């Protein structure tokens, strides 16, 4: 009889990010994004997410 092994890997969080958004930006804007992210010790994803959240919160 074989023992049943538990799944390995990262545990699921209650608010997982399941959607992927792909955008096209100019080389200049991409360079600015990379520079900002590096200067503020952030990932490019974090910068974009924070920007979207800020934009939406100002619209309400």
PDB file of N, CA and C in Angstrom:
ATOM      1  N   UNK A   1       0.849  -1.178   0.000  1.00  0.00           N
ATOM      2  CA  UNK A   1       0.000   0.000   0.000  1.00  0.00           C
ATOM      3  C   UNK A   1       0.894   1.241   0.000  1.00  0.00           C
ATOM      4  N   UNK A   2       0.572   2.180  -0.877  1.00  0.00           N
ATOM      5  CA  UNK A   2       1.369   3.398  -0.978  1.00  0.00           C
ATOM      6  C   UNK A   2       0.783   4.482  -0.081  1.00  0.00           C
ATOM      7  N   UNK A   3       1.679   5.237   0.549  1.00  0.00           N
ATOM      8  CA  UNK A   3       1.235   6.351   1.392  1.00  0.00           C
ATOM      9  C   UNK A   3       0.854   7.528   0.493  1.00  0.00           C
ATOM     10  N   UNK A   4      -0.186   8.251   0.863  1.00  0.00           N
ATOM     11  CA  UNK A   4      -0.625   9.427   0.115  1.00  0.00           C
ATOM     12  C   UNK A   4       0.182  10.622   0.598  1.00  0.00           C
ATOM     13  N   UNK A   5       0.836  11.286  -0.335  1.00  0.00           N
ATOM     14  CA  UNK A   5       1.666  12.434  -0.001  1.00  0.00           C
ATOM     15  C   UNK A   5       0.847  13.719  -0.140  1.00  0.00           C
ATOM     16  N   UNK A   6       1.074  14.638   0.770  1.00  0.00           N
ATOM     17  CA  UNK A   6       0.419  15.946   0.686  1.00  0.00           C
ATOM     18  C   UNK A   6       1.056  16.735  -0.450  1.00  0.00           C
ATOM     19  N   UNK A   7       0.272  17.624  -1.068  1.00  0.00           N
ATOM     20  CA  UNK A   7       0.807  18.462  -2.136  1.00  0.00           C
ATOM     21  C   UNK A   7       1.882  19.385  -1.584  1.00  0.00           C
ATOM     22  N   UNK A   8       2.945  19.527  -2.341  1.00  0.00           N
ATOM     23  CA  UNK A   8       4.015  20.427  -1.953  1.00  0.00           C
ATOM     24  C   UNK A   8       3.840  21.731  -2.717  1.00  0.00           C
ATOM     25  N   UNK A   9       4.440  22.781  -2.221  1.00  0.00           N
ATOM     26  CA  UNK A   9       4.384  24.052  -2.924  1.00  0.00           C
ATOM     27  C   UNK A   9       3.893  25.161  -2.033  1.00  0.00           C
ATOM     28  N   UNK A  10       3.702  26.292  -2.649  1.00  0.00           N
ATOM     29  CA  UNK A  10       3.278  27.491  -1.934  1.00  0.00           C
ATOM     30  C   UNK A  10       1.819  27.342  -1.501  1.00  0.00           C
ATOM     31  N   UNK A  11       1.521  27.648  -0.238  1.00  0.00           N
ATOM     32  CA  UNK A  11       0.113  27.578   0.201  1.00  0.00           C
ATOM     33  C   UNK A  11      -0.715  28.668  -0.470  1.00  0.00           C
ATOM     34  N   UNK A  12      -1.958  28.373  -0.741  1.00  0.00           N
ATOM     35  CA  UNK A  12      -2.849  29.318  -1.392  1.00  0.00           C
ATOM     36  C   UNK A  12      -3.292  30.390  -0.402  1.00  0.00           C
ATOM     37  N   UNK A  13      -3.249  31.632  -0.851  1.00  0.00           N
ATOM     38  CA  UNK A  13      -3.714  32.747  -0.042  1.00  0.00           C
ATOM     39  C   UNK A  13      -5.188  32.983  -0.351  1.00  0.00           C
ATOM     40  N   UNK A  14      -5.922  33.598   0.566  1.00  0.00           N
ATOM     41  CA  UNK A  14      -7.351  33.819   0.316  1.00  0.00           C
ATOM     42  C   UNK A  14      -7.622  34.776  -0.849  1.00  0.00           C
ATOM     43  N   UNK A  15      -6.719  35.713  -1.126  1.00  0.00           N
ATOM     44  CA  UNK A  15      -6.930  36.689  -2.182  1.00  0.00           C
ATOM     45  C   UNK A  15      -5.855  36.511  -3.260  1.00  0.00           C
ATOM     46  N   UNK A  16      -5.898  35.363  -3.949  1.00  0.00           N
ATOM     47  CA  UNK A  16      -4.880  35.087  -4.949  1.00  0.00           C
ATOM     48  C   UNK A  16      -5.072  35.950  -6.189  1.00  0.00           C
ATOM     49  N   UNK A  17      -3.984  36.224  -6.859  1.00  0.00           N
ATOM     50  CA  UNK A  17      -4.024  37.018  -8.089  1.00  0.00           C
ATOM     51  C   UNK A  17      -4.117  36.048  -9.262  1.00  0.00           C
ATOM     52  N   UNK A  18      -5.286  36.000  -9.869  1.00  0.00           N
ATOM     53  CA  UNK A  18      -5.533  35.036 -10.930  1.00  0.00           C
ATOM     54  C   UNK A  18      -5.547  35.653 -12.323  1.00  0.00           C
ATOM     55  N   UNK A  19      -5.658  36.939 -12.420  1.00  0.00           N
ATOM     56  CA  UNK A  19      -5.772  37.596 -13.718  1.00  0.00           C
ATOM     57  C   UNK A  19      -4.430  38.159 -14.168  1.00  0.00           C
ATOM     58  N   UNK A  20      -4.178  38.075 -15.456  1.00  0.00           N
ATOM     59  CA  UNK A  20      -2.970  38.608 -16.055  1.00  0.00           C
ATOM     60  C   UNK A  20      -3.370  39.698 -17.031  1.00  0.00           C
ATOM     61  N   UNK A  21      -2.698  40.852 -16.941  1.00  0.00           N
ATOM     62  CA  UNK A  21      -2.952  41.964 -17.842  1.00  0.00           C
ATOM     63  C   UNK A  21      -1.664  42.242 -18.595  1.00  0.00           C
ATOM     64  N   UNK A  22      -1.754  42.263 -19.898  1.00  0.00           N
ATOM     65  CA  UNK A  22      -0.587  42.527 -20.729  1.00  0.00           C
ATOM     66  C   UNK A  22      -0.798  43.854 -21.442  1.00  0.00           C
ATOM     67  N   UNK A  23       0.216  44.715 -21.388  1.00  0.00           N
ATOM     68  CA  UNK A  23       0.114  46.017 -22.047  1.00  0.00           C
ATOM     69  C   UNK A  23       1.346  46.250 -22.901  1.00  0.00           C
ATOM     70  N   UNK A  24       1.204  47.123 -23.884  1.00  0.00           N
ATOM     71  CA  UNK A  24       2.327  47.521 -24.722  1.00  0.00           C
ATOM     72  C   UNK A  24       2.662  48.963 -24.366  1.00  0.00           C
ATOM     73  N   UNK A  25       3.934  49.226 -24.103  1.00  0.00           N
ATOM     74  CA  UNK A  25       4.372  50.582 -23.788  1.00  0.00           C
ATOM     75  C   UNK A  25       5.614  50.909 -24.618  1.00  0.00           C
ATOM     76  N   UNK A  26       5.886  52.185 -24.745  1.00  0.00           N
ATOM     77  CA  UNK A  26       7.049  52.623 -25.526  1.00  0.00           C
ATOM     78  C   UNK A  26       8.339  52.260 -24.791  1.00  0.00           C
ATOM     79  N   UNK A  27       9.421  52.236 -25.541  1.00  0.00           N
ATOM     80  CA  UNK A  27      10.734  51.973 -24.941  1.00  0.00           C
ATOM     81  C   UNK A  27      11.066  53.009 -23.874  1.00  0.00           C
ATOM     82  N   UNK A  28      10.705  54.262 -24.142  1.00  0.00           N
ATOM     83  CA  UNK A  28      10.998  55.347 -23.202  1.00  0.00           C
ATOM     84  C   UNK A  28      10.245  55.145 -21.886  1.00  0.00           C
ATOM     85  N   UNK A  29       8.955  54.826 -21.960  1.00  0.00           N
ATOM     86  CA  UNK A  29       8.165  54.618 -20.752  1.00  0.00           C
ATOM     87  C   UNK A  29       8.641  53.384 -19.995  1.00  0.00           C
ATOM     88  N   UNK A  30       9.032  52.349 -20.728  1.00  0.00           N
ATOM     89  CA  UNK A  30       9.543  51.141 -20.087  1.00  0.00           C
ATOM     90  C   UNK A  30      10.837  51.433 -19.333  1.00  0.00           C
ATOM     91  N   UNK A  31      11.711  52.223 -19.933  1.00  0.00           N
ATOM     92  CA  UNK A  31      12.962  52.595 -19.269  1.00  0.00           C
ATOM     93  C   UNK A  31      12.680  53.398 -18.000  1.00  0.00           C
ATOM     94  N   UNK A  32      11.691  54.299 -18.070  1.00  0.00           N
ATOM     95  CA  UNK A  32      11.312  55.076 -16.894  1.00  0.00           C
ATOM     96  C   UNK A  32      10.745  54.158 -15.806  1.00  0.00           C
ATOM     97  N   UNK A  33       9.944  53.189 -16.210  1.00  0.00           N
ATOM     98  CA  UNK A  33       9.370  52.226 -15.260  1.00  0.00           C
ATOM     99  C   UNK A  33      10.471  51.440 -14.558  1.00  0.00           C
ATOM    100  N   UNK A  34      11.430  50.942 -15.329  1.00  0.00           N
ATOM    101  CA  UNK A  34      12.534  50.184 -14.733  1.00  0.00           C
ATOM    102  C   UNK A  34      13.361  51.037 -13.787  1.00  0.00           C
ATOM    103  N   UNK A  35      13.638  52.273 -14.189  1.00  0.00           N
ATOM    104  CA  UNK A  35      14.430  53.169 -13.349  1.00  0.00           C
ATOM    105  C   UNK A  35      13.707  53.474 -12.045  1.00  0.00           C
ATOM    106  N   UNK A  36      12.410  53.749 -12.129  1.00  0.00           N
ATOM    107  CA  UNK A  36      11.624  54.057 -10.930  1.00  0.00           C
ATOM    108  C   UNK A  36      11.613  52.843  -9.997  1.00  0.00           C
ATOM    109  N   UNK A  37      11.361  51.679 -10.552  1.00  0.00           N
ATOM    110  CA  UNK A  37      11.298  50.461  -9.745  1.00  0.00           C
ATOM    111  C   UNK A  37      12.629  50.199  -9.039  1.00  0.00           C
ATOM    112  N   UNK A  38      13.715  50.362  -9.765  1.00  0.00           N
ATOM    113  CA  UNK A  38      15.025  50.130  -9.160  1.00  0.00           C
ATOM    114  C   UNK A  38      15.324  51.159  -8.076  1.00  0.00           C
ATOM    115  N   UNK A  39      15.027  52.420  -8.347  1.00  0.00           N
ATOM    116  CA  UNK A  39      15.299  53.495  -7.387  1.00  0.00           C
ATOM    117  C   UNK A  39      14.526  53.290  -6.090  1.00  0.00           C
ATOM    118  N   UNK A  40      13.291  52.775  -6.189  1.00  0.00           N
ATOM    119  CA  UNK A  40      12.432  52.604  -5.026  1.00  0.00           C
ATOM    120  C   UNK A  40      12.405  51.165  -4.510  1.00  0.00           C
ATOM    121  N   UNK A  41      13.333  50.348  -5.018  1.00  0.00           N
ATOM    122  CA  UNK A  41      13.452  48.949  -4.579  1.00  0.00           C
ATOM    123  C   UNK A  41      12.113  48.210  -4.695  1.00  0.00           C
ATOM    124  N   UNK A  42      11.487  48.339  -5.853  1.00  0.00           N
ATOM    125  CA  UNK A  42      10.198  47.705  -6.122  1.00  0.00           C
ATOM    126  C   UNK A  42      10.319  46.878  -7.397  1.00  0.00           C
ATOM    127  N   UNK A  43       9.360  45.988  -7.607  1.00  0.00           N
ATOM    128  CA  UNK A  43       9.283  45.294  -8.882  1.00  0.00           C
ATOM    129  C   UNK A  43       8.455  46.144  -9.833  1.00  0.00           C
ATOM    130  N   UNK A  44       8.591  45.871 -11.121  1.00  0.00           N
ATOM    131  CA  UNK A  44       7.788  46.611 -12.090  1.00  0.00           C
ATOM    132  C   UNK A  44       6.303  46.340 -11.865  1.00  0.00           C
ATOM    133  N   UNK A  45       5.962  45.136 -11.475  1.00  0.00           N
ATOM    134  CA  UNK A  45       4.568  44.799 -11.178  1.00  0.00           C
ATOM    135  C   UNK A  45       4.040  45.634 -10.029  1.00  0.00           C
ATOM    136  N   UNK A  46       4.834  45.789  -8.973  1.00  0.00           N
ATOM    137  CA  UNK A  46       4.412  46.602  -7.827  1.00  0.00           C
ATOM    138  C   UNK A  46       4.167  48.053  -8.236  1.00  0.00           C
ATOM    139  N   UNK A  47       5.038  48.590  -9.084  1.00  0.00           N
ATOM    140  CA  UNK A  47       4.879  49.977  -9.534  1.00  0.00           C
ATOM    141  C   UNK A  47       3.579  50.124 -10.325  1.00  0.00           C
ATOM    142  N   UNK A  48       3.340  49.219 -11.251  1.00  0.00           N
ATOM    143  CA  UNK A  48       2.134  49.292 -12.077  1.00  0.00           C
ATOM    144  C   UNK A  48       0.883  49.114 -11.226  1.00  0.00           C
ATOM    145  N   UNK A  49       0.879  48.134 -10.325  1.00  0.00           N
ATOM    146  CA  UNK A  49      -0.287  47.915  -9.465  1.00  0.00           C
ATOM    147  C   UNK A  49      -0.579  49.132  -8.594  1.00  0.00           C
ATOM    148  N   UNK A  50       0.467  49.711  -8.010  1.00  0.00           N
ATOM    149  CA  UNK A  50       0.271  50.901  -7.181  1.00  0.00           C
ATOM    150  C   UNK A  50      -0.271  52.059  -8.015  1.00  0.00           C
ATOM    151  N   UNK A  51       0.231  52.203  -9.233  1.00  0.00           N
ATOM    152  CA  UNK A  51      -0.252  53.255 -10.116  1.00  0.00           C
ATOM    153  C   UNK A  51      -1.717  53.085 -10.475  1.00  0.00           C
ATOM    154  N   UNK A  52      -2.124  51.865 -10.787  1.00  0.00           N
ATOM    155  CA  UNK A  52      -3.525  51.592 -11.120  1.00  0.00           C
ATOM    156  C   UNK A  52      -4.413  51.852  -9.907  1.00  0.00           C
ATOM    157  N   UNK A  53      -3.991  51.372  -8.743  1.00  0.00           N
ATOM    158  CA  UNK A  53      -4.780  51.591  -7.524  1.00  0.00           C
ATOM    159  C   UNK A  53      -4.924  53.083  -7.226  1.00  0.00           C
ATOM    160  N   UNK A  54      -3.851  53.850  -7.384  1.00  0.00           N
ATOM    161  CA  UNK A  54      -3.900  55.293  -7.156  1.00  0.00           C
ATOM    162  C   UNK A  54      -4.835  55.971  -8.139  1.00  0.00           C
ATOM    163  N   UNK A  55      -4.732  55.618  -9.407  1.00  0.00           N
ATOM    164  CA  UNK A  55      -5.588  56.214 -10.433  1.00  0.00           C
ATOM    165  C   UNK A  55      -7.053  55.934 -10.150  1.00  0.00           C
ATOM    166  N   UNK A  56      -7.373  54.703  -9.814  1.00  0.00           N
ATOM    167  CA  UNK A  56      -8.781  54.345  -9.551  1.00  0.00           C
ATOM    168  C   UNK A  56      -9.291  55.040  -8.301  1.00  0.00           C
ATOM    169  N   UNK A  57      -8.487  55.117  -7.253  1.00  0.00           N
ATOM    170  CA  UNK A  57      -8.948  55.755  -6.017  1.00  0.00           C
ATOM    171  C   UNK A  57      -9.206  57.248  -6.215  1.00  0.00           C
ATOM    172  N   UNK A  58      -8.486  57.884  -7.119  1.00  0.00           N
ATOM    173  CA  UNK A  58      -8.694  59.316  -7.394  1.00  0.00           C
ATOM    174  C   UNK A  58      -9.939  59.549  -8.242  1.00  0.00           C
ATOM    175  N   UNK A  59     -10.398  58.538  -8.944  1.00  0.00           N
ATOM    176  CA  UNK A  59     -11.572  58.667  -9.799  1.00  0.00           C
ATOM    177  C   UNK A  59     -12.878  58.602  -9.007  1.00  0.00           C
ATOM    178  N   UNK A  60     -12.822  58.006  -7.849  1.00  0.00           N
ATOM    179  CA  UNK A  60     -14.047  57.803  -7.048  1.00  0.00           C
ATOM    180  C   UNK A  60     -14.447  59.026  -6.274  1.00  0.00           C
TER     181      UNK A  60
END
